[in-house]
PDB file of N, CA and C in Angstrom:
ATOM      1  N   MET A   1       1.176  -1.576   0.587  1.00  0.00           N
ATOM      2  CA  MET A   1      -0.340   0.149   0.210  1.00  0.00           C
ATOM      3  C   MET A   1       0.629   1.241  -0.503  1.00  0.00           C
ATOM      4  N   ALA A   2       1.875   1.057   0.197  1.00  0.00           N
ATOM      5  CA  ALA A   2       2.483   2.520   0.268  1.00  0.00           C
ATOM      6  C   ALA A   2       2.890   3.245  -1.668  1.00  0.00           C
ATOM      7  N   GLY A   3       2.657   4.540  -1.236  1.00  0.00           N
ATOM      8  CA  GLY A   3       2.434   5.436  -2.345  1.00  0.00           C
ATOM      9  C   GLY A   3       0.905   5.704  -2.116  1.00  0.00           C
ATOM     10  N   ARG A   4       0.413   4.941  -1.814  1.00  0.00           N
ATOM     11  CA  ARG A   4      -1.261   5.996  -2.449  1.00  0.00           C
ATOM     12  C   ARG A   4      -1.379   6.455  -1.067  1.00  0.00           C
ATOM     13  N   THR A   5      -2.283   7.737  -1.841  1.00  0.00           N
ATOM     14  CA  THR A   5      -2.460   9.214  -1.028  1.00  0.00           C
ATOM     15  C   THR A   5      -4.043   9.175  -0.296  1.00  0.00           C
ATOM     16  N   ARG A   6      -4.198   9.712   0.769  1.00  0.00           N
ATOM     17  CA  ARG A   6      -5.378   9.543   1.337  1.00  0.00           C
ATOM     18  C   ARG A   6      -6.720  10.596   0.988  1.00  0.00           C
ATOM     19  N   THR A   7      -7.591  10.601   0.804  1.00  0.00           N
ATOM     20  CA  THR A   7      -8.587  10.996  -0.714  1.00  0.00           C
ATOM     21  C   THR A   7      -9.428  11.479   0.809  1.00  0.00           C
ATOM     22  N   TYR A   8      -9.891  12.701   0.751  1.00  0.00           N
ATOM     23  CA  TYR A   8     -10.660  13.315   2.562  1.00  0.00           C
ATOM     24  C   TYR A   8     -12.114  13.645   1.230  1.00  0.00           C
ATOM     25  N   PRO A   9     -12.829  13.098   2.350  1.00  0.00           N
ATOM     26  CA  PRO A   9     -14.398  13.903   1.400  1.00  0.00           C
ATOM     27  C   PRO A   9     -14.257  15.294   1.181  1.00  0.00           C
ATOM     28  N   GLY A  10     -15.600  15.547   0.276  1.00  0.00           N
ATOM     29  CA  GLY A  10     -15.812  17.170  -0.424  1.00  0.00           C
ATOM     30  C   GLY A  10     -15.808  18.286   0.337  1.00  0.00           C
ATOM     31  N   TRP A  11     -15.332  19.554  -0.140  1.00  0.00           N
ATOM     32  CA  TRP A  11     -15.257  20.730   0.431  1.00  0.00           C
ATOM     33  C   TRP A  11     -16.997  21.231   0.642  1.00  0.00           C
ATOM     34  N   GLN A  12     -18.167  20.688   0.570  1.00  0.00           N
ATOM     35  CA  GLN A  12     -18.882  20.472   1.255  1.00  0.00           C
ATOM     36  C   GLN A  12     -19.122  20.242   2.437  1.00  0.00           C
ATOM     37  N   LEU A  13     -18.628  18.869   2.835  1.00  0.00           N
ATOM     38  CA  LEU A  13     -18.737  18.565   4.196  1.00  0.00           C
ATOM     39  C   LEU A  13     -17.581  19.008   4.849  1.00  0.00           C
ATOM     40  N   LEU A  14     -16.687  19.494   4.477  1.00  0.00           N
ATOM     41  CA  LEU A  14     -15.554  20.681   5.260  1.00  0.00           C
ATOM     42  C   LEU A  14     -16.619  22.119   6.082  1.00  0.00           C
ATOM     43  N   LEU A  15     -16.920  22.317   5.021  1.00  0.00           N
ATOM     44  CA  LEU A  15     -17.668  23.756   4.946  1.00  0.00           C
ATOM     45  C   LEU A  15     -19.099  23.585   6.100  1.00  0.00           C
ATOM     46  N   LEU A  16     -19.621  22.059   5.967  1.00  0.00           N
ATOM     47  CA  LEU A  16     -21.018  21.774   6.657  1.00  0.00           C
ATOM     48  C   LEU A  16     -20.208  21.677   8.341  1.00  0.00           C
ATOM     49  N   LEU A  17     -19.173  20.763   8.151  1.00  0.00           N
ATOM     50  CA  LEU A  17     -18.308  20.846  10.083  1.00  0.00           C
ATOM     51  C   LEU A  17     -17.837  22.023  10.592  1.00  0.00           C
ATOM     52  N   MET A  18     -17.240  22.723  10.038  1.00  0.00           N
ATOM     53  CA  MET A  18     -17.058  24.171  10.467  1.00  0.00           C
ATOM     54  C   MET A  18     -18.394  24.896  10.724  1.00  0.00           C
ATOM     55  N   VAL A  19     -18.733  24.960  10.448  1.00  0.00           N
ATOM     56  CA  VAL A  19     -20.594  25.785  10.141  1.00  0.00           C
ATOM     57  C   VAL A  19     -20.905  25.359  11.794  1.00  0.00           C
ATOM     58  N   MET A  20     -21.209  23.789  11.636  1.00  0.00           N
ATOM     59  CA  MET A  20     -21.233  23.466  12.722  1.00  0.00           C
ATOM     60  C   MET A  20     -20.463  23.205  14.084  1.00  0.00           C
ATOM     61  N   GLY A  21     -19.039  23.046  14.307  1.00  0.00           N
ATOM     62  CA  GLY A  21     -18.039  23.198  14.819  1.00  0.00           C
ATOM     63  C   GLY A  21     -18.109  24.886  15.361  1.00  0.00           C
ATOM     64  N   GLY A  22     -18.227  25.579  14.725  1.00  0.00           N
ATOM     65  CA  GLY A  22     -18.293  27.207  15.410  1.00  0.00           C
ATOM     66  C   GLY A  22     -20.118  27.194  15.877  1.00  0.00           C
ATOM     67  N   ILE A  23     -20.553  26.942  15.219  1.00  0.00           N
ATOM     68  CA  ILE A  23     -21.836  27.618  16.079  1.00  0.00           C
ATOM     69  C   ILE A  23     -21.924  26.424  17.554  1.00  0.00           C
ATOM     70  N   ILE A  24     -21.818  25.048  17.394  1.00  0.00           N
ATOM     71  CA  ILE A  24     -21.676  24.627  18.513  1.00  0.00           C
ATOM     72  C   ILE A  24     -20.753  25.206  19.799  1.00  0.00           C
ATOM     73  N   GLY A  25     -19.206  25.538  19.429  1.00  0.00           N
ATOM     74  CA  GLY A  25     -18.307  25.898  20.192  1.00  0.00           C
ATOM     75  C   GLY A  25     -19.528  27.223  20.587  1.00  0.00           C
ATOM     76  N   SER A  26     -19.858  28.313  20.225  1.00  0.00           N
ATOM     77  CA  SER A  26     -20.120  29.629  20.400  1.00  0.00           C
ATOM     78  C   SER A  26     -21.207  29.031  21.410  1.00  0.00           C
ATOM     79  N   TRP A  27     -22.567  27.728  21.212  1.00  0.00           N
ATOM     80  CA  TRP A  27     -23.153  27.580  22.247  1.00  0.00           C
ATOM     81  C   TRP A  27     -22.279  27.601  23.723  1.00  0.00           C
ATOM     82  N   ILE A  28     -21.328  26.536  23.243  1.00  0.00           N
ATOM     83  CA  ILE A  28     -20.826  25.592  24.892  1.00  0.00           C
ATOM     84  C   ILE A  28     -20.180  27.059  26.121  1.00  0.00           C
ATOM     85  N   GLY A  29     -19.784  27.483  24.531  1.00  0.00           N
ATOM     86  CA  GLY A  29     -19.292  28.991  25.380  1.00  0.00           C
ATOM     87  C   GLY A  29     -20.399  29.852  26.456  1.00  0.00           C
ATOM     88  N   ASP A  30     -21.155  30.193  25.768  1.00  0.00           N
ATOM     89  CA  ASP A  30     -22.692  31.351  26.304  1.00  0.00           C
ATOM     90  C   ASP A  30     -23.097  30.829  27.244  1.00  0.00           C
ATOM     91  N   ALA A  31     -22.567  28.773  27.341  1.00  0.00           N
ATOM     92  CA  ALA A  31     -23.200  28.314  28.902  1.00  0.00           C
ATOM     93  C   ALA A  31     -21.973  28.546  29.723  1.00  0.00           C
ATOM     94  N   VAL A  32     -20.172  28.159  29.536  1.00  0.00           N
ATOM     95  CA  VAL A  32     -19.952  28.540  30.123  1.00  0.00           C
ATOM     96  C   VAL A  32     -19.819  29.756  30.673  1.00  0.00           C
ATOM     97  N   VAL A  33     -19.698  30.440  29.986  1.00  0.00           N
ATOM     98  CA  VAL A  33     -19.215  32.103  30.642  1.00  0.00           C
ATOM     99  C   VAL A  33     -20.624  32.424  31.722  1.00  0.00           C
ATOM    100  N   LYS A  34     -21.755  31.747  31.253  1.00  0.00           N
ATOM    101  CA  LYS A  34     -23.099  31.456  32.219  1.00  0.00           C
ATOM    102  C   LYS A  34     -23.099  31.214  33.046  1.00  0.00           C
ATOM    103  N   LEU A  35     -21.816  30.206  33.159  1.00  0.00           N
ATOM    104  CA  LEU A  35     -21.678  28.776  34.708  1.00  0.00           C
ATOM    105  C   LEU A  35     -20.614  29.929  35.798  1.00  0.00           C
ATOM    106  N   TRP A  36     -20.105  29.956  35.167  1.00  0.00           N
ATOM    107  CA  TRP A  36     -18.244  31.140  35.082  1.00  0.00           C
ATOM    108  C   TRP A  36     -17.903  32.351  34.996  1.00  0.00           C
ATOM    109  N   PRO A  37     -18.984  33.520  35.318  1.00  0.00           N
ATOM    110  CA  PRO A  37     -18.924  34.325  34.978  1.00  0.00           C
ATOM    111  C   PRO A  37     -17.557  35.170  35.341  1.00  0.00           C
ATOM    112  N   GLY A  38     -16.687  34.592  35.884  1.00  0.00           N
ATOM    113  CA  GLY A  38     -14.742  35.197  35.506  1.00  0.00           C
ATOM    114  C   GLY A  38     -14.216  34.741  34.043  1.00  0.00           C
ATOM    115  N   LEU A  39     -14.853  33.751  33.043  1.00  0.00           N
ATOM    116  CA  LEU A  39     -14.028  33.947  31.642  1.00  0.00           C
ATOM    117  C   LEU A  39     -15.390  34.360  31.026  1.00  0.00           C
ATOM    118  N   GLY A  40     -15.246  35.555  31.019  1.00  0.00           N
ATOM    119  CA  GLY A  40     -16.208  36.479  30.522  1.00  0.00           C
ATOM    120  C   GLY A  40     -15.175  36.748  29.323  1.00  0.00           C
ATOM    121  N   LEU A  41     -14.005  36.948  28.954  1.00  0.00           N
ATOM    122  CA  LEU A  41     -13.369  37.862  28.661  1.00  0.00           C
ATOM    123  C   LEU A  41     -12.727  36.138  27.410  1.00  0.00           C
ATOM    124  N   LEU A  42     -13.136  34.908  27.795  1.00  0.00           N
ATOM    125  CA  LEU A  42     -12.749  33.957  26.584  1.00  0.00           C
ATOM    126  C   LEU A  42     -14.567  33.920  25.926  1.00  0.00           C
ATOM    127  N   GLY A  43     -15.169  34.365  26.625  1.00  0.00           N
ATOM    128  CA  GLY A  43     -16.782  34.861  25.811  1.00  0.00           C
ATOM    129  C   GLY A  43     -16.355  35.770  25.039  1.00  0.00           C
ATOM    130  N   HIS A  44     -15.705  36.814  24.773  1.00  0.00           N
ATOM    131  CA  HIS A  44     -16.013  37.718  24.489  1.00  0.00           C
ATOM    132  C   HIS A  44     -15.933  37.755  22.729  1.00  0.00           C
ATOM    133  N   VAL A  45     -17.208  38.294  21.873  1.00  0.00           N
ATOM    134  CA  VAL A  45     -17.260  38.160  20.700  1.00  0.00           C
ATOM    135  C   VAL A  45     -16.468  39.706  19.743  1.00  0.00           C
ATOM    136  N   GLN A  46     -15.703  38.299  18.608  1.00  0.00           N
ATOM    137  CA  GLN A  46     -15.214  39.534  18.239  1.00  0.00           C
ATOM    138  C   GLN A  46     -16.247  39.164  16.220  1.00  0.00           C
ATOM    139  N   SER A  47     -16.491  40.846  15.901  1.00  0.00           N
ATOM    140  CA  SER A  47     -17.344  40.856  14.741  1.00  0.00           C
ATOM    141  C   SER A  47     -16.636  40.792  13.871  1.00  0.00           C
ATOM    142  N   VAL A  48     -16.318  40.063  12.387  1.00  0.00           N
ATOM    143  CA  VAL A  48     -15.864  40.421  11.504  1.00  0.00           C
ATOM    144  C   VAL A  48     -16.568  40.042  10.178  1.00  0.00           C
ATOM    145  N   GLY A  49     -16.854  41.387   8.740  1.00  0.00           N
ATOM    146  CA  GLY A  49     -17.024  40.986   8.005  1.00  0.00           C
ATOM    147  C   GLY A  49     -18.113  42.291   6.789  1.00  0.00           C
ATOM    148  N   LEU A  50     -18.900  41.730   6.702  1.00  0.00           N
ATOM    149  CA  LEU A  50     -19.253  43.120   5.508  1.00  0.00           C
ATOM    150  C   LEU A  50     -20.545  43.481   6.211  1.00  0.00           C
ATOM    151  N   PRO A  51     -21.069  44.615   7.027  1.00  0.00           N
ATOM    152  CA  PRO A  51     -22.425  45.424   7.832  1.00  0.00           C
ATOM    153  C   PRO A  51     -23.569  44.546   6.207  1.00  0.00           C
ATOM    154  N   THR A  52     -24.735  44.821   6.888  1.00  0.00           N
ATOM    155  CA  THR A  52     -25.444  44.346   5.568  1.00  0.00           C
ATOM    156  C   THR A  52     -25.942  45.953   4.417  1.00  0.00           C
ATOM    157  N   MET A  53     -25.753  45.445   3.629  1.00  0.00           N
ATOM    158  CA  MET A  53     -25.478  46.978   2.261  1.00  0.00           C
ATOM    159  C   MET A  53     -27.264  46.731   2.013  1.00  0.00           C
ATOM    160  N   THR A  54     -28.264  47.236   1.422  1.00  0.00           N
ATOM    161  CA  THR A  54     -29.054  47.069   0.951  1.00  0.00           C
ATOM    162  C   THR A  54     -29.320  48.442  -0.477  1.00  0.00           C
ATOM    163  N   MET A  55     -29.309  47.832  -2.003  1.00  0.00           N
ATOM    164  CA  MET A  55     -29.599  49.041  -2.849  1.00  0.00           C
ATOM    165  C   MET A  55     -31.156  48.622  -2.998  1.00  0.00           C
ATOM    166  N   ASP A  56     -32.214  49.974  -3.182  1.00  0.00           N
ATOM    167  CA  ASP A  56     -33.691  50.257  -2.934  1.00  0.00           C
ATOM    168  C   ASP A  56     -33.610  50.505  -4.643  1.00  0.00           C
ATOM    169  N   LEU A  57     -34.718  49.812  -5.684  1.00  0.00           N
ATOM    170  CA  LEU A  57     -34.507  50.164  -6.964  1.00  0.00           C
ATOM    171  C   LEU A  57     -35.973  50.539  -6.692  1.00  0.00           C
ATOM    172  N   HIS A  58     -36.796  51.025  -6.275  1.00  0.00           N
ATOM    173  CA  HIS A  58     -38.306  51.058  -5.857  1.00  0.00           C
ATOM    174  C   HIS A  58     -39.098  49.572  -6.927  1.00  0.00           C
ATOM    175  N   VAL A  59     -38.664  48.898  -7.579  1.00  0.00           N
ATOM    176  CA  VAL A  59     -39.402  47.301  -7.849  1.00  0.00           C
ATOM    177  C   VAL A  59     -38.880  46.441  -7.601  1.00  0.00           C
ATOM    178  N   PHE A  60     -37.832  46.488  -6.316  1.00  0.00           N
ATOM    179  CA  PHE A  60     -37.366  45.396  -5.599  1.00  0.00           C
ATOM    180  C   PHE A  60     -35.897  45.602  -5.315  1.00  0.00           C
ATOM    181  N   SER A  61     -35.652  45.211  -4.243  1.00  0.00           N
ATOM    182  CA  SER A  61     -34.329  45.604  -2.928  1.00  0.00           C
ATOM    183  C   SER A  61     -33.487  44.447  -3.059  1.00  0.00           C
ATOM    184  N   LEU A  62     -32.271  44.600  -3.214  1.00  0.00           N
ATOM    185  CA  LEU A  62     -31.239  43.720  -2.824  1.00  0.00           C
ATOM    186  C   LEU A  62     -30.491  43.959  -1.530  1.00  0.00           C
ATOM    187  N   SER A  63     -29.984  43.015  -0.864  1.00  0.00           N
ATOM    188  CA  SER A  63     -29.269  42.994   0.019  1.00  0.00           C
ATOM    189  C   SER A  63     -28.390  42.129   0.364  1.00  0.00           C
ATOM    190  N   PHE A  64     -27.247  42.500   0.958  1.00  0.00           N
ATOM    191  CA  PHE A  64     -26.406  41.406   0.865  1.00  0.00           C
ATOM    192  C   PHE A  64     -25.210  42.204   1.867  1.00  0.00           C
ATOM    193  N   GLY A  65     -24.588  41.089   2.627  1.00  0.00           N
ATOM    194  CA  GLY A  65     -24.147  40.921   4.057  1.00  0.00           C
ATOM    195  C   GLY A  65     -23.397  40.315   4.272  1.00  0.00           C
ATOM    196  N   PHE A  66     -22.105  39.776   5.248  1.00  0.00           N
ATOM    197  CA  PHE A  66     -22.248  38.721   5.791  1.00  0.00           C
ATOM    198  C   PHE A  66     -21.174  39.401   7.170  1.00  0.00           C
ATOM    199  N   MET A  67     -21.538  39.230   8.107  1.00  0.00           N
ATOM    200  CA  MET A  67     -20.900  39.082   9.767  1.00  0.00           C
ATOM    201  C   MET A  67     -20.623  37.165   9.969  1.00  0.00           C
ATOM    202  N   LEU A  68     -19.941  37.851  10.720  1.00  0.00           N
ATOM    203  CA  LEU A  68     -18.658  36.625  11.191  1.00  0.00           C
ATOM    204  C   LEU A  68     -18.207  36.740  13.022  1.00  0.00           C
ATOM    205  N   ASN A  69     -19.263  36.472  14.338  1.00  0.00           N
ATOM    206  CA  ASN A  69     -18.988  36.522  15.221  1.00  0.00           C
ATOM    207  C   ASN A  69     -18.376  35.256  15.411  1.00  0.00           C
ATOM    208  N   ILE A  70     -16.998  35.596  16.318  1.00  0.00           N
ATOM    209  CA  ILE A  70     -15.981  34.601  17.089  1.00  0.00           C
ATOM    210  C   ILE A  70     -15.639  35.379  18.062  1.00  0.00           C
ATOM    211  N   ASN A  71     -15.940  33.792  18.911  1.00  0.00           N
ATOM    212  CA  ASN A  71     -15.222  33.800  20.301  1.00  0.00           C
ATOM    213  C   ASN A  71     -14.576  33.391  20.063  1.00  0.00           C
ATOM    214  N   PHE A  72     -13.494  32.878  21.503  1.00  0.00           N
ATOM    215  CA  PHE A  72     -12.321  31.745  21.787  1.00  0.00           C
ATOM    216  C   PHE A  72     -13.300  30.697  21.695  1.00  0.00           C
ATOM    217  N   PHE A  73     -13.950  30.004  22.013  1.00  0.00           N
ATOM    218  CA  PHE A  73     -14.920  29.033  21.589  1.00  0.00           C
ATOM    219  C   PHE A  73     -15.632  28.660  20.037  1.00  0.00           C
ATOM    220  N   SER A  74     -15.679  29.780  19.972  1.00  0.00           N
ATOM    221  CA  SER A  74     -15.930  29.034  18.699  1.00  0.00           C
ATOM    222  C   SER A  74     -14.555  28.901  17.629  1.00  0.00           C
ATOM    223  N   ILE A  75     -13.280  29.018  17.607  1.00  0.00           N
ATOM    224  CA  ILE A  75     -12.564  28.856  17.063  1.00  0.00           C
ATOM    225  C   ILE A  75     -11.826  27.811  17.766  1.00  0.00           C
ATOM    226  N   ILE A  76     -12.070  27.326  19.086  1.00  0.00           N
ATOM    227  CA  ILE A  76     -11.638  26.084  19.764  1.00  0.00           C
ATOM    228  C   ILE A  76     -13.125  24.541  18.540  1.00  0.00           C
ATOM    229  N   GLY A  77     -14.426  24.957  18.287  1.00  0.00           N
ATOM    230  CA  GLY A  77     -14.583  24.733  17.713  1.00  0.00           C
ATOM    231  C   GLY A  77     -14.632  24.234  15.959  1.00  0.00           C
ATOM    232  N   PHE A  78     -14.052  24.931  15.620  1.00  0.00           N
ATOM    233  CA  PHE A  78     -13.489  25.149  14.216  1.00  0.00           C
ATOM    234  C   PHE A  78     -12.331  24.361  13.988  1.00  0.00           C
ATOM    235  N   ILE A  79     -10.965  24.128  15.517  1.00  0.00           N
ATOM    236  CA  ILE A  79     -10.265  23.288  14.868  1.00  0.00           C
ATOM    237  C   ILE A  79     -10.367  21.938  15.557  1.00  0.00           C
ATOM    238  N   LEU A  80     -11.598  21.185  15.973  1.00  0.00           N
ATOM    239  CA  LEU A  80     -12.271  20.621  16.519  1.00  0.00           C
ATOM    240  C   LEU A  80     -12.818  19.758  14.648  1.00  0.00           C
ATOM    241  N   ALA A  81     -13.742  21.371  14.654  1.00  0.00           N
ATOM    242  CA  ALA A  81     -14.402  19.798  13.203  1.00  0.00           C
ATOM    243  C   ALA A  81     -13.407  20.086  11.955  1.00  0.00           C
ATOM    244  N   TRP A  82     -11.883  21.198  11.837  1.00  0.00           N
ATOM    245  CA  TRP A  82     -10.694  20.128  10.767  1.00  0.00           C
ATOM    246  C   TRP A  82     -10.918  18.812  11.311  1.00  0.00           C
ATOM    247  N   ILE A  83     -10.294  18.589  12.948  1.00  0.00           N
ATOM    248  CA  ILE A  83      -9.429  17.259  13.385  1.00  0.00           C
ATOM    249  C   ILE A  83     -10.644  16.093  12.525  1.00  0.00           C
ATOM    250  N   PHE A  84     -11.697  16.583  13.116  1.00  0.00           N
ATOM    251  CA  PHE A  84     -12.106  15.292  12.238  1.00  0.00           C
ATOM    252  C   PHE A  84     -12.646  14.987  10.801  1.00  0.00           C
ATOM    253  N   TYR A  85     -12.792  16.514  10.628  1.00  0.00           N
ATOM    254  CA  TYR A  85     -12.644  15.581   8.902  1.00  0.00           C
ATOM    255  C   TYR A  85     -11.397  14.686   8.138  1.00  0.00           C
ATOM    256  N   LYS A  86     -10.250  15.850   9.187  1.00  0.00           N
ATOM    257  CA  LYS A  86      -9.213  15.081   8.150  1.00  0.00           C
ATOM    258  C   LYS A  86      -9.413  13.157   8.620  1.00  0.00           C
ATOM    259  N   ARG A  87     -10.088  12.819  10.227  1.00  0.00           N
ATOM    260  CA  ARG A  87     -10.149  11.717  10.906  1.00  0.00           C
ATOM    261  C   ARG A  87     -11.286  10.130   9.956  1.00  0.00           C
ATOM    262  N   LEU A  88     -11.776  11.306   8.911  1.00  0.00           N
ATOM    263  CA  LEU A  88     -12.717  10.406   8.243  1.00  0.00           C
ATOM    264  C   LEU A  88     -12.116  10.176   6.927  1.00  0.00           C
TER     265      LEU A  88
END
């Protein structure tokens, strides 16, 4: 079996796992900060992205925006999702 390269599932699964890892990490972070308020610094959220922009043409309106709210626990969730993906 020498020389075989490992193939991973598609990028769609990686994207799904990363989103789920971030969401679950944020939920765990919120719970931990509520239980131990002294860890509030780890639960601090940093927002990165584009604020919502709306173009109103009187016939229809088009809105576009993207915001990623990251904290320490969501980063841990991303890392665990990446590790899980690599083990598939």
